Structures are given as structure tokens and as C-alpha cells.
Amino acid sequence: MVRAQSPDGRKGEVALRKLTIAAGIFACAACASPGTPPGGPADTAAPVLLSVVPDSGKTQVKPRAVIFHFDEVVSERPPAATSLDQLFLISPRDGTPSVDWHRKDVTVRPRKGWRSNTTYVVTLLPGMADLRGNVRNKGAQTVFSTGPSFNRGSISGNIWNWIAGSPAAQAYIEAISLPDSAAYIAVADSAGAFRVSYLPAGRFLVRGVIDDNKNRGIDRREAWDSVTVTLADSTTLGLYAIARDSIAPTLATVSADDSVTLRLTFERALAPALLPATGDVAVQGADSVRLAVLSVAVPPADTTSTGSRPPRPAPPLSLIVKLATPMKPGADYRVTISRVTGITGLSAAAVRTFRAPPASVPPAKSPELK
């Protein structure tokens, strides 16, 4: 069946079609024209912290939670951390803090609640971001007491990556009270400097770890150091973080710098105070002839670095052995060390075979010109 349509209806349909086409052309022209995109300029500013509740300096307070209030909605998954709780510290610590996201607000509280008569330091670390990925490079902190006064003690210092000979930036620091095991915590800055504040007087086990996986603990192969101090008011110390192995160092490679110089490289660091002496090292050829050892020494320190270096020399990973007589070119030899001691005090013998470098071939002479 064909539906009849009046002439006036056809005219209206044509007019509507022309109007639709004109609107499409206008929209395309607007899209193609240069100018600022709709919505204004892109937001590149990091979130601004407007307030922290409770304010720093309060006493006799026990809030439900500490509230960090920002000027915009912040991300639940900031780029600088795998979870939001990694950006907050509560000192003293009773485990991972409970952190809740409420758009512009983030609330923080201890898992087991606030203790009575305790000074708390709640820290926001750098790394908070907004929904566009703009990241704050500043932290913030509030200090309050659930009792009538504040603790005033502090432990400060520097932590070093001892093997690398460089500051241990963002290392995790704990000052554990030995009477009650309360753990007061902080994070070192980019120069390895740290300060654990608002401590009671007493004895503390101070521990620093290069916390690679950010779980605020010491895991296998992570570098750390510890020292026990008695705190009356304040004290300063240095921590030298290094991985602690459960086995003695092993001799990895032997190479010849020249015919009378051997470089011994170990898989683990050696105890600086217990290095092998000349009598502990034997070099013997395949013909059973022993080469006398003149000296055993640590290689010279690298002085080309312009960065900050620890006051204590790094534990060596290699030794230089000087021989009294040259090795035979291309001959096989064996190095035996009767005692190799690591930084944990474990010792063992070490043996390695190697081949002396071949005799050098003198460069060919240029033909004489007549």
C-alpha cells in the first residue's frame, strides 16, 4: 500500500532536510576552525592540600581518623604507589595504616586504634595525584598527642647504600623501643637524611632498610643496617645498609691486570677488618710451582664521583694480589685463599683456576722508505 502525501507535506520535508544539512555544515566548520578546545586550558596543577584535621600541636585529642582535605578529587591509585596506604605513615606504627578515599578527602587511622598518652606523627609522603595524573612532589605532616604533653626525643642521621657508596634515598627507618616494642618510623629524604621525632627517653633499636618493594619490612636480599642507642634527648648516627647473606663470600673471577698483578672478584662483600693477608693467598701453576705473593690489597677508591659519599669506606668486592715473579704467558694457574670472611662474619676457603694472558705480539714495523 502506498501512502498519499500532500504537496504541503513534501515542502515541509524538503525544508527540514535543508535545515539539517545547514546545521551539519556549520558544525563541521566550527570543528575545523582554530582556537582553544571546549572546556578551557588543560589542568596541569597537582592537588593542593587545604587542611589536615586535627591540626598539628593539639593535645588531649583522639580523633576517629586524621583527615587530609584537598582542593580537588584525588586518585585512589596514585602513579607513585601500588596502593594509597603506601603514601602515609603513622608513627608509632602498629601495622599498615587504614586509609580510606572520599573523593577530595583521605582519612588515615591505625588498624588497632589510637593509644592513650601517645604522641603521634601522621605523614603524607610525596606522590599524591589527581585524576589527570598530576603528582604532588611535597609531603605534609601533623603531630598531636592523645595525652596531655608531647614526647621531645629525636634520632637523626644519614643512611647510605654501603656497597654503592651513595645516599640511600627514601630508605625506611624504624626506631623500635626496646621496653615495649613500639615502632617509631620515618622515611629518608633524597640525600639519605632522616629524623625520627617525638620519641620518649629510653633504649631503641634503630634500623634502616632500602625498602625495594615498599612493604616496610626487611626481605631477603634487601640492604639494611641497625644500631642500638640509649636516648635521653637527641642523638645522631649513621647507618650503612648492605644485604646480609647466610653464606660466606665465594671467589667469582680471577683476571690478570699484567704479568704480576691479579684482580680477584667476589660474589659478596668482604669484611673490611678481616681481609686475607699475604699468607692466606697461594698462587700455583700447573707444574706445582708456587709464585710468591708480595701483597694483598683493596683496589684504590673511585675518586671520580662528585656525589656525596659515606664517611666509612665501602666493603670491598675485589682484591689486588701482587706477585714476586711474572706468570708464564698462556699458562694455567690456581688461586687458593685459606680464609675469606663476609660482613656477617661467616668464613670459608676459596679456590679458582685461571689462565695467564698470552704473550703480547709486538706491532709490525712499517717498511722503510727509500
Protein backbone atom coordinates (compact mmCIF):
# COMPACT_ATOMS: atom_id res chain seq x y z
CA MET A 1 0.00 0.00 0.00
CA VAL A 2 1.32 3.47 -0.98
CA ARG A 3 0.62 6.27 1.48
CA ALA A 4 -0.52 9.51 -0.13
CA GLN A 5 1.26 12.71 0.86
CA SER A 6 0.08 16.27 0.29
CA PRO A 7 2.17 18.87 -1.58
CA ASP A 8 2.43 20.90 1.62
CA GLY A 9 3.89 17.88 3.42
CA ARG A 10 6.57 17.44 0.75
CA LYS A 11 7.53 21.10 1.03
CA GLY A 12 7.92 20.75 4.82
CA GLU A 13 10.09 17.66 4.43
CA VAL A 14 12.39 19.43 1.93
CA ALA A 15 12.71 22.45 4.22
CA LEU A 16 13.58 20.21 7.18
CA ARG A 17 16.23 18.37 5.14
CA LYS A 18 17.86 21.68 4.08
CA LEU A 19 17.92 22.88 7.68
CA THR A 20 19.59 19.63 8.83
CA ILE A 21 22.28 19.90 6.11
CA ALA A 22 22.99 23.53 7.01
CA ALA A 23 23.37 22.66 10.69
CA GLY A 24 25.83 19.86 9.81
CA ILE A 25 27.93 22.22 7.67
CA PHE A 26 28.02 24.79 10.49
CA ALA A 27 29.12 22.13 13.00
CA CYS A 28 31.92 20.91 10.71
CA ALA A 29 33.15 24.45 10.16
CA ALA A 30 33.20 25.06 13.90
CA CYS A 31 35.23 21.90 14.46
CA ALA A 32 37.74 22.81 11.77
CA SER A 33 38.29 26.35 12.99
CA PRO A 34 41.40 27.01 15.10
CA GLY A 35 41.07 28.03 18.73
CA THR A 36 41.03 26.77 22.31
CA PRO A 37 39.23 23.42 22.74
CA PRO A 38 36.00 23.44 24.72
CA GLY A 39 36.45 23.31 28.49
CA GLY A 40 39.37 25.75 28.80
CA PRO A 41 43.10 25.06 29.24
CA ALA A 42 44.37 21.64 30.40
CA ASP A 43 44.79 21.15 34.14
CA THR A 44 48.47 20.52 34.95
CA ALA A 45 48.40 21.51 38.64
CA ALA A 46 48.92 18.88 41.34
CA PRO A 47 46.38 18.57 44.15
CA VAL A 48 46.66 21.28 46.82
CA LEU A 49 46.35 20.20 50.45
CA LEU A 50 43.90 22.65 52.06
CA SER A 51 43.80 21.30 55.61
CA VAL A 52 44.68 18.46 57.96
CA VAL A 53 42.43 17.60 60.91
CA PRO A 54 43.42 17.55 63.72
CA ASP A 55 45.81 20.50 63.42
CA SER A 56 49.42 19.99 64.42
CA GLY A 57 50.17 20.78 68.06
CA LYS A 58 46.93 19.55 69.60
CA THR A 59 46.92 17.61 72.88
CA GLN A 60 44.28 15.51 74.60
CA VAL A 61 42.73 14.50 71.25
CA LYS A 62 41.78 11.07 69.97
CA PRO A 63 40.16 11.56 66.54
CA ARG A 64 38.23 8.88 64.70
CA ALA A 65 40.74 9.44 61.87
CA VAL A 66 43.13 12.07 60.55
CA ILE A 67 41.58 13.84 57.54
CA PHE A 68 43.67 15.19 54.66
CA HIS A 69 41.46 17.56 52.64
CA PHE A 70 42.46 18.55 49.06
CA ASP A 71 41.18 21.17 46.62
CA GLU A 72 40.12 18.53 44.06
CA VAL A 73 39.31 14.85 43.75
CA VAL A 74 42.45 12.76 44.23
CA SER A 75 43.29 9.39 42.71
CA GLU A 76 42.69 6.14 44.56
CA ARG A 77 45.67 4.67 42.65
CA PRO A 78 48.44 7.28 42.50
CA PRO A 79 51.23 6.60 39.97
CA ALA A 80 53.92 6.72 42.68
CA ALA A 81 52.48 3.81 44.70
CA THR A 82 50.75 0.48 44.22
CA SER A 83 48.14 1.44 46.82
CA LEU A 84 47.07 4.62 48.60
CA ASP A 85 48.27 3.44 52.02
CA GLN A 86 51.89 3.46 50.80
CA LEU A 87 51.76 7.27 50.82
CA PHE A 88 51.02 7.52 54.57
CA LEU A 89 53.00 6.83 57.73
CA ILE A 90 51.69 6.69 61.29
CA SER A 91 54.37 6.83 63.99
CA PRO A 92 54.34 4.89 66.26
CA ARG A 93 53.29 2.12 63.90
CA ASP A 94 51.02 -0.85 64.58
CA GLY A 95 51.00 -2.27 61.06
CA THR A 96 49.78 -0.93 57.73
CA PRO A 97 47.58 2.13 58.35
CA SER A 98 43.90 2.05 57.44
CA VAL A 99 43.49 4.57 54.59
CA ASP A 100 40.10 5.42 53.05
CA TRP A 101 39.37 7.50 49.96
CA HIS A 102 36.48 10.01 49.92
CA ARG A 103 36.99 11.96 46.68
CA LYS A 104 38.61 15.18 48.00
CA ASP A 105 39.31 13.70 51.45
CA VAL A 106 41.61 10.89 52.53
CA THR A 107 41.22 9.56 56.08
CA VAL A 108 44.01 7.77 57.92
CA ARG A 109 43.95 5.83 61.19
CA PRO A 110 45.82 2.98 62.91
CA ARG A 111 44.44 -0.52 62.45
CA LYS A 112 44.22 -1.04 66.22
CA GLY A 113 43.16 2.47 67.18
CA TRP A 114 44.99 5.33 68.86
CA ARG A 115 46.93 4.55 72.06
CA SER A 116 46.44 6.61 75.19
CA ASN A 117 49.11 9.11 76.29
CA THR A 118 50.99 8.80 73.00
CA THR A 119 52.48 11.37 70.66
CA TYR A 120 51.53 10.62 67.06
CA VAL A 121 53.16 11.81 63.84
CA VAL A 122 51.00 11.23 60.75
CA THR A 123 52.87 11.87 57.50
CA LEU A 124 51.71 12.23 53.91
CA LEU A 125 54.62 11.36 51.60
CA PRO A 126 55.14 12.97 48.18
CA GLY A 127 53.23 11.21 45.41
CA MET A 128 49.55 12.07 45.84
CA ALA A 129 47.93 12.67 42.42
CA ASP A 130 44.69 13.92 40.91
CA LEU A 131 42.53 12.10 38.36
CA ARG A 132 44.58 13.58 35.48
CA GLY A 133 47.84 12.16 36.84
CA ASN A 134 49.27 15.42 38.19
CA VAL A 135 51.51 14.35 41.10
CA ARG A 136 52.37 16.29 44.27
CA ASN A 137 56.11 16.48 44.94
CA LYS A 138 55.58 17.69 48.52
CA GLY A 139 54.61 15.86 51.68
CA ALA A 140 52.78 17.05 54.78
CA GLN A 141 52.65 16.15 58.45
CA THR A 142 50.54 16.62 61.55
CA VAL A 143 51.62 15.97 65.14
CA PHE A 144 49.21 15.54 68.05
CA SER A 145 49.05 13.79 71.39
CA THR A 146 46.34 11.64 72.89
CA GLY A 147 47.73 12.66 76.28
CA PRO A 148 48.48 15.99 77.97
CA SER A 149 52.00 16.50 76.55
CA PHE A 150 54.42 15.67 73.73
CA ASN A 151 57.49 13.44 73.72
CA ARG A 152 60.56 15.51 72.79
CA GLY A 153 63.29 12.99 71.90
CA SER A 154 64.67 12.55 68.37
CA ILE A 155 67.09 10.33 66.45
CA SER A 156 68.55 11.77 63.26
CA GLY A 157 71.34 10.94 60.85
CA ASN A 158 72.08 9.60 57.38
CA ILE A 159 71.67 6.20 55.77
CA TRP A 160 73.93 5.02 52.97
CA ASN A 161 73.85 2.34 50.32
CA TRP A 162 77.16 0.98 51.56
CA ILE A 163 78.15 -1.07 48.51
CA ALA A 164 77.22 1.68 46.03
CA GLY A 165 78.83 4.35 48.23
CA SER A 166 75.83 6.66 47.78
CA PRO A 167 72.95 8.03 49.88
CA ALA A 168 70.02 5.63 50.35
CA ALA A 169 67.21 7.89 49.19
CA GLN A 170 63.71 7.13 50.56
CA ALA A 171 65.04 4.39 52.86
CA TYR A 172 62.60 3.23 55.54
CA ILE A 173 63.69 3.97 59.13
CA GLU A 174 62.41 2.40 62.37
CA ALA A 175 63.30 3.25 65.96
CA ILE A 176 61.95 0.33 67.99
CA SER A 177 61.52 0.95 71.71
CA LEU A 178 63.14 -1.99 73.48
CA PRO A 179 60.89 -1.96 76.59
CA ASP A 180 57.56 -2.13 74.72
CA SER A 181 58.48 -2.74 71.02
CA ALA A 182 56.68 0.42 69.85
CA ALA A 183 58.00 1.25 66.36
CA TYR A 184 58.53 4.94 65.57
CA ILE A 185 59.09 5.42 61.84
CA ALA A 186 60.23 7.86 59.17
CA VAL A 187 61.45 7.89 55.56
CA ALA A 188 64.83 9.29 54.50
CA ASP A 189 64.90 12.15 52.02
CA SER A 190 66.65 12.20 48.63
CA ALA A 191 70.02 12.79 50.34
CA GLY A 192 69.58 9.86 52.74
CA ALA A 193 68.98 12.18 55.73
CA PHE A 194 66.36 11.09 58.27
CA ARG A 195 64.84 12.21 61.55
CA VAL A 196 62.59 10.16 63.82
CA SER A 197 60.95 12.68 66.14
CA TYR A 198 58.75 12.84 69.26
CA LEU A 199 60.32 9.85 70.98
CA PRO A 200 60.24 9.02 74.69
CA ALA A 201 63.54 8.59 76.52
CA GLY A 202 64.92 5.05 76.61
CA ARG A 203 66.77 2.42 74.59
CA PHE A 204 65.98 1.95 70.91
CA LEU A 205 66.95 -0.45 68.14
CA VAL A 206 67.35 1.87 65.13
CA ARG A 207 67.01 0.07 61.81
CA GLY A 208 67.16 1.36 58.24
CA VAL A 209 66.29 -0.64 55.11
CA ILE A 210 66.43 0.11 51.39
CA ASP A 211 62.83 -1.00 51.00
CA ASP A 212 62.74 -2.05 47.33
CA ASN A 213 59.22 -3.50 47.41
CA LYS A 214 57.80 -0.76 49.70
CA ASN A 215 56.33 -3.21 52.21
CA ARG A 216 58.09 -1.52 55.16
CA GLY A 217 59.95 -4.62 56.23
CA ILE A 218 63.26 -6.39 55.62
CA ASP A 219 63.13 -9.00 52.87
CA ARG A 220 65.78 -11.36 51.57
CA ARG A 221 68.44 -9.56 49.50
CA GLU A 222 67.33 -6.11 50.71
CA ALA A 223 70.10 -3.96 52.17
CA TRP A 224 69.79 -2.83 55.79
CA ASP A 225 71.67 -1.81 58.91
CA SER A 226 70.85 -1.45 62.60
CA VAL A 227 72.32 0.00 65.78
CA THR A 228 71.18 0.21 69.42
CA VAL A 229 71.18 3.60 71.14
CA THR A 230 70.18 4.98 74.53
CA LEU A 231 68.20 8.18 74.07
CA ALA A 232 67.96 10.90 76.68
CA ASP A 233 67.15 13.89 74.48
CA SER A 234 68.55 13.59 70.94
CA THR A 235 71.25 11.67 69.12
CA THR A 236 72.79 11.48 65.65
CA LEU A 237 74.07 8.35 63.91
CA GLY A 238 74.96 6.81 60.55
CA LEU A 239 73.50 3.66 59.02
CA TYR A 240 75.32 1.63 56.35
CA ALA A 241 72.79 -0.54 54.52
CA ILE A 242 74.01 -3.74 52.92
CA ALA A 243 72.41 -7.11 52.14
CA ARG A 244 73.19 -9.74 54.78
CA ASP A 245 73.98 -13.17 53.32
CA SER A 246 73.78 -16.50 55.12
CA ILE A 247 76.87 -17.90 53.35
CA ALA A 248 80.49 -16.81 53.09
CA PRO A 249 81.76 -14.91 50.01
CA THR A 250 82.85 -17.01 47.02
CA LEU A 251 85.58 -16.17 44.52
CA ALA A 252 83.79 -15.38 41.25
CA THR A 253 86.58 -14.45 38.80
CA VAL A 254 90.33 -14.05 38.58
CA SER A 255 91.81 -11.76 35.94
CA ALA A 256 95.34 -10.56 35.25
CA ASP A 257 95.94 -6.82 35.01
CA ASP A 258 99.50 -7.63 33.96
CA SER A 259 102.02 -10.46 34.38
CA VAL A 260 102.47 -9.84 38.13
CA THR A 261 99.04 -8.40 39.10
CA LEU A 262 95.87 -10.39 39.74
CA ARG A 263 92.39 -8.98 40.36
CA LEU A 264 90.18 -11.26 42.48
CA THR A 265 86.44 -10.52 42.34
CA PHE A 266 83.98 -11.95 44.87
CA GLU A 267 80.23 -12.52 44.66
CA ARG A 268 79.63 -10.95 48.09
CA ALA A 269 81.24 -8.14 50.06
CA LEU A 270 84.19 -8.85 52.34
CA ALA A 271 84.52 -7.76 55.96
CA PRO A 272 86.91 -4.77 55.81
CA ALA A 273 88.55 -5.65 59.13
CA LEU A 274 89.12 -9.33 58.22
CA LEU A 275 90.67 -9.22 54.76
CA PRO A 276 93.01 -12.06 53.68
CA ALA A 277 96.72 -11.46 54.34
CA THR A 278 99.62 -12.46 52.08
CA GLY A 279 100.00 -15.73 53.95
CA ASP A 280 96.36 -16.64 53.24
CA VAL A 281 96.74 -16.49 49.43
CA ALA A 282 98.59 -19.06 47.31
CA VAL A 283 99.13 -18.94 43.53
CA GLN A 284 100.29 -22.22 41.99
CA GLY A 285 100.98 -23.23 38.40
CA ALA A 286 100.05 -26.48 36.67
CA ASP A 287 103.66 -27.57 37.24
CA SER A 288 103.06 -27.23 41.02
CA VAL A 289 105.44 -24.28 41.21
CA ARG A 290 104.15 -21.61 43.62
CA LEU A 291 104.54 -17.93 42.90
CA ALA A 292 105.36 -15.85 45.96
CA VAL A 293 102.72 -13.28 46.92
CA LEU A 294 104.07 -9.83 47.73
CA SER A 295 100.85 -8.09 48.80
CA VAL A 296 97.08 -8.33 49.03
CA ALA A 297 95.21 -5.02 48.99
CA VAL A 298 91.87 -3.38 48.26
CA PRO A 299 91.71 -1.54 44.89
CA PRO A 300 92.03 2.26 45.12
CA ALA A 301 88.76 4.06 45.78
CA ASP A 302 86.97 5.71 42.88
CA THR A 303 87.55 9.46 43.26
CA THR A 304 85.80 10.49 40.06
CA SER A 305 82.33 10.61 41.64
CA THR A 306 81.19 14.10 42.60
CA GLY A 307 78.23 12.99 44.73
CA SER A 308 78.03 12.62 48.49
CA ARG A 309 79.90 9.58 49.77
CA PRO A 310 79.72 7.79 53.15
CA PRO A 311 82.40 8.53 55.75
CA ARG A 312 83.09 4.81 56.11
CA PRO A 313 84.77 3.09 53.11
CA ALA A 314 82.58 0.57 51.33
CA PRO A 315 83.28 -3.13 51.99
CA PRO A 316 85.34 -4.45 49.07
CA LEU A 317 84.11 -6.80 46.38
CA SER A 318 87.57 -7.33 44.92
CA LEU A 319 91.23 -7.61 45.93
CA ILE A 320 94.52 -6.88 44.12
CA VAL A 321 97.27 -9.52 44.50
CA LYS A 322 100.86 -8.63 43.58
CA LEU A 323 103.25 -11.47 42.67
CA ALA A 324 107.01 -11.57 43.18
CA THR A 325 107.69 -13.16 39.76
CA PRO A 326 105.84 -12.90 36.45
CA MET A 327 103.43 -15.59 35.31
CA LYS A 328 104.17 -17.61 32.20
CA PRO A 329 102.14 -16.33 29.25
CA GLY A 330 99.17 -18.59 28.48
CA ALA A 331 99.88 -20.94 31.42
CA ASP A 332 97.18 -22.27 33.77
CA TYR A 333 97.23 -21.30 37.46
CA ARG A 334 95.18 -21.83 40.60
CA VAL A 335 94.46 -19.28 43.34
CA THR A 336 93.69 -20.64 46.79
CA ILE A 337 92.59 -18.45 49.70
CA SER A 338 92.50 -20.17 53.07
CA ARG A 339 90.08 -17.66 54.65
CA VAL A 340 87.51 -15.33 53.12
CA THR A 341 85.17 -13.58 55.57
CA GLY A 342 81.93 -11.77 54.75
CA ILE A 343 80.36 -8.87 56.59
CA THR A 344 78.18 -11.26 58.63
CA GLY A 345 81.34 -12.95 59.97
CA LEU A 346 80.99 -16.20 58.00
CA SER A 347 84.28 -17.53 56.62
CA ALA A 348 85.24 -20.18 54.08
CA ALA A 349 88.11 -21.15 51.80
CA ALA A 350 88.01 -20.06 48.14
CA VAL A 351 89.62 -21.68 45.09
CA ARG A 352 89.65 -20.59 41.43
CA THR A 353 91.65 -21.58 38.35
CA PHE A 354 92.57 -19.15 35.60
CA ARG A 355 94.82 -18.77 32.57
CA ALA A 356 97.53 -16.14 32.34
CA PRO A 357 97.20 -13.82 29.35
CA PRO A 358 99.17 -14.80 26.22
CA ALA A 359 102.38 -13.06 25.32
CA SER A 360 101.77 -9.76 23.64
CA VAL A 361 102.66 -9.59 19.94
CA PRO A 362 104.84 -6.59 19.09
CA PRO A 363 103.36 -4.32 16.43
CA ALA A 364 104.65 -4.84 12.90
CA LYS A 365 107.27 -2.35 11.76
CA SER A 366 106.40 -0.04 8.92
CA PRO A 367 108.50 -0.59 5.80
CA GLU A 368 111.35 1.85 5.49
CA LEU A 369 111.05 4.45 2.79
CA LYS A 370 113.93 4.65 0.36
